[in-house]
Structures are given as structure tokens and as C-alpha cells.
Amino acid sequence: MKILWTDEALDDLAEIIAYTCVAASPRTAESVERRIVEQIEGLPPFPERIRKSERIPGARELVVNRLPYIVFVKLLPDVIVVLNVVHTARKFPA
């Protein structure tokens, strides 16, 4: 199963990395990025294991382990589309 990132999701991830780099350190930012990406890449072959979203119709929510982020994805027959990466404190969608 292929994973496709939307431009919005890539922007979200870039903002998270930039913020973490300033707020903590570049090393911490790399660790956060790696953890988010690894969890997304771990979705195949059973992406249905993550919960259905009540916030975005037709999407699912991956709660990133040990980090305050939720990844919103849409499951298509052969593709997992990463829609957004959002901090849990953020009211999403607005």
C-alpha cells in the first residue's frame, strides 16, 4: 500500500519540526520527525486498525505514541493519504 502526503500535511510536519528545533533542539526535532514518519509508515498492511475520525468525515486518526500529535489519514483502496498532522491542543478543524 502506497502512502501519499498532501501538501498541507507536509507543511504541518515542516512547522512542527521548525517549532521543535527552536523550542527544544535540532536533535529533538529530528527525533520527533522520525517518530511521526515511522508511525505513518507502519500503517500498512493494517491501516484499518486506527480509529475513525469524528472530526473529519471519511478520515481516520492516528495518535502518535508518546507525542502530542494526531495524524489524519484517508484510506483509499491502494493508497493511504496523509491529510494533516495536528497538535492535540489545537482545535481542529477550526
C-alpha atoms as a PDB file:
ATOM      1  CA  MET A   1       0.000   0.000   0.000  1.00  0.00           C
ATOM      2  CA  LYS A   2       1.372   3.413  -1.019  1.00  0.00           C
ATOM      3  CA  ILE A   3       1.484   6.443   1.299  1.00  0.00           C
ATOM      4  CA  LEU A   4       0.751   9.842  -0.247  1.00  0.00           C
ATOM      5  CA  TRP A   5       1.330  13.076   1.675  1.00  0.00           C
ATOM      6  CA  THR A   6      -0.779  16.134   0.853  1.00  0.00           C
ATOM      7  CA  ASP A   7       0.959  19.495   0.635  1.00  0.00           C
ATOM      8  CA  GLU A   8      -0.955  20.550   3.741  1.00  0.00           C
ATOM      9  CA  ALA A   9       0.358  17.560   5.724  1.00  0.00           C
ATOM     10  CA  LEU A  10       3.924  18.250   4.572  1.00  0.00           C
ATOM     11  CA  ASP A  11       3.517  21.889   5.655  1.00  0.00           C
ATOM     12  CA  ASP A  12       2.185  20.731   9.040  1.00  0.00           C
ATOM     13  CA  LEU A  13       5.195  18.460   9.535  1.00  0.00           C
ATOM     14  CA  ALA A  14       7.631  21.208   8.491  1.00  0.00           C
ATOM     15  CA  GLU A  15       6.047  23.610  11.003  1.00  0.00           C
ATOM     16  CA  ILE A  16       6.280  21.003  13.782  1.00  0.00           C
ATOM     17  CA  ILE A  17       9.951  20.389  13.004  1.00  0.00           C
ATOM     18  CA  ALA A  18      10.771  24.119  12.839  1.00  0.00           C
ATOM     19  CA  TYR A  19       8.986  24.819  16.122  1.00  0.00           C
ATOM     20  CA  THR A  20      10.614  21.873  17.907  1.00  0.00           C
ATOM     21  CA  CYS A  21      14.046  22.876  16.593  1.00  0.00           C
ATOM     22  CA  VAL A  22      13.673  26.319  18.180  1.00  0.00           C
ATOM     23  CA  ALA A  23      11.801  25.259  21.331  1.00  0.00           C
ATOM     24  CA  ALA A  24      13.990  22.237  22.098  1.00  0.00           C
ATOM     25  CA  SER A  25      16.872  21.358  19.772  1.00  0.00           C
ATOM     26  CA  PRO A  26      17.624  20.157  16.246  1.00  0.00           C
ATOM     27  CA  ARG A  27      18.255  16.672  17.625  1.00  0.00           C
ATOM     28  CA  THR A  28      14.852  16.611  19.308  1.00  0.00           C
ATOM     29  CA  ALA A  29      13.211  17.888  16.117  1.00  0.00           C
ATOM     30  CA  GLU A  30      14.811  15.031  14.153  1.00  0.00           C
ATOM     31  CA  SER A  31      13.550  12.543  16.722  1.00  0.00           C
ATOM     32  CA  VAL A  32      10.003  13.937  16.569  1.00  0.00           C
ATOM     33  CA  GLU A  33      10.018  13.843  12.773  1.00  0.00           C
ATOM     34  CA  ARG A  34      11.336  10.288  12.742  1.00  0.00           C
ATOM     35  CA  ARG A  35       8.698   9.081  15.218  1.00  0.00           C
ATOM     36  CA  ILE A  36       5.809  10.664  13.272  1.00  0.00           C
ATOM     37  CA  VAL A  37       7.024   9.333   9.913  1.00  0.00           C
ATOM     38  CA  GLU A  38       7.748   5.845  11.282  1.00  0.00           C
ATOM     39  CA  GLN A  39       4.266   5.557  12.736  1.00  0.00           C
ATOM     40  CA  ILE A  40       2.705   6.600   9.444  1.00  0.00           C
ATOM     41  CA  GLU A  41       4.934   4.200   7.502  1.00  0.00           C
ATOM     42  CA  GLY A  42       3.869   1.456   9.923  1.00  0.00           C
ATOM     43  CA  LEU A  43       0.209   1.726   8.920  1.00  0.00           C
ATOM     44  CA  PRO A  44       0.341  -0.757   6.042  1.00  0.00           C
ATOM     45  CA  PRO A  45      -0.700  -3.559   5.946  1.00  0.00           C
ATOM     46  CA  PHE A  46      -3.484  -2.871   8.515  1.00  0.00           C
ATOM     47  CA  PRO A  47      -4.439   0.812   8.345  1.00  0.00           C
ATOM     48  CA  GLU A  48      -7.982  -0.002   9.465  1.00  0.00           C
ATOM     49  CA  ARG A  49      -6.628  -0.510  12.985  1.00  0.00           C
ATOM     50  CA  ILE A  50      -6.687   3.230  13.672  1.00  0.00           C
ATOM     51  CA  ARG A  51      -9.912   4.853  14.808  1.00  0.00           C
ATOM     52  CA  LYS A  52     -12.432   6.543  12.566  1.00  0.00           C
ATOM     53  CA  SER A  53     -12.395  10.303  12.909  1.00  0.00           C
ATOM     54  CA  GLU A  54     -15.367  12.099  14.370  1.00  0.00           C
ATOM     55  CA  ARG A  55     -13.869  15.419  13.239  1.00  0.00           C
ATOM     56  CA  ILE A  56     -13.316  14.735   9.539  1.00  0.00           C
ATOM     57  CA  PRO A  57     -15.887  12.561   7.753  1.00  0.00           C
ATOM     58  CA  GLY A  58     -14.287   9.633   5.942  1.00  0.00           C
ATOM     59  CA  ALA A  59     -10.919  10.059   7.661  1.00  0.00           C
ATOM     60  CA  ARG A  60      -9.116   8.121  10.377  1.00  0.00           C
ATOM     61  CA  GLU A  61      -6.947   9.379  13.238  1.00  0.00           C
ATOM     62  CA  LEU A  62      -3.532   8.027  14.144  1.00  0.00           C
ATOM     63  CA  VAL A  63      -2.482   9.125  17.623  1.00  0.00           C
ATOM     64  CA  VAL A  64       1.316   9.324  17.606  1.00  0.00           C
ATOM     65  CA  ASN A  65       2.731   7.357  20.547  1.00  0.00           C
ATOM     66  CA  ARG A  66       4.417   9.459  23.248  1.00  0.00           C
ATOM     67  CA  LEU A  67       3.919  12.698  21.302  1.00  0.00           C
ATOM     68  CA  PRO A  68       1.046  15.205  21.363  1.00  0.00           C
ATOM     69  CA  TYR A  69       0.162  14.794  17.681  1.00  0.00           C
ATOM     70  CA  ILE A  70      -2.666  13.276  15.686  1.00  0.00           C
ATOM     71  CA  VAL A  71      -2.264  12.331  12.036  1.00  0.00           C
ATOM     72  CA  PHE A  72      -5.424  12.452   9.932  1.00  0.00           C
ATOM     73  CA  VAL A  73      -5.448   9.992   7.046  1.00  0.00           C
ATOM     74  CA  LYS A  74      -7.889   8.900   4.388  1.00  0.00           C
ATOM     75  CA  LEU A  75      -7.858   5.283   3.280  1.00  0.00           C
ATOM     76  CA  LEU A  76      -8.292   4.565  -0.413  1.00  0.00           C
ATOM     77  CA  PRO A  77      -8.101   1.074  -1.983  1.00  0.00           C
ATOM     78  CA  ASP A  78      -4.341   1.156  -2.620  1.00  0.00           C
ATOM     79  CA  VAL A  79      -3.297   4.433  -1.017  1.00  0.00           C
ATOM     80  CA  ILE A  80      -3.103   5.970   2.444  1.00  0.00           C
ATOM     81  CA  VAL A  81      -3.459   9.746   2.053  1.00  0.00           C
ATOM     82  CA  VAL A  82      -1.928  11.767   4.884  1.00  0.00           C
ATOM     83  CA  LEU A  83      -4.188  14.794   5.250  1.00  0.00           C
ATOM     84  CA  ASN A  84      -2.860  16.655   8.312  1.00  0.00           C
ATOM     85  CA  VAL A  85      -0.536  16.379  11.275  1.00  0.00           C
ATOM     86  CA  VAL A  86      -2.045  18.304  14.189  1.00  0.00           C
ATOM     87  CA  HIS A  87      -1.047  19.068  17.781  1.00  0.00           C
ATOM     88  CA  THR A  88      -3.607  17.660  20.206  1.00  0.00           C
ATOM     89  CA  ALA A  89      -4.110  21.060  21.850  1.00  0.00           C
ATOM     90  CA  ARG A  90      -5.235  22.585  18.554  1.00  0.00           C
ATOM     91  CA  LYS A  91      -8.936  22.832  17.821  1.00  0.00           C
ATOM     92  CA  PHE A  92      -9.123  21.010  14.520  1.00  0.00           C
ATOM     93  CA  PRO A  93     -10.800  21.560  12.201  1.00  0.00           C
ATOM     94  CA  ALA A  94     -11.348  25.201  13.039  1.00  0.00           C
END
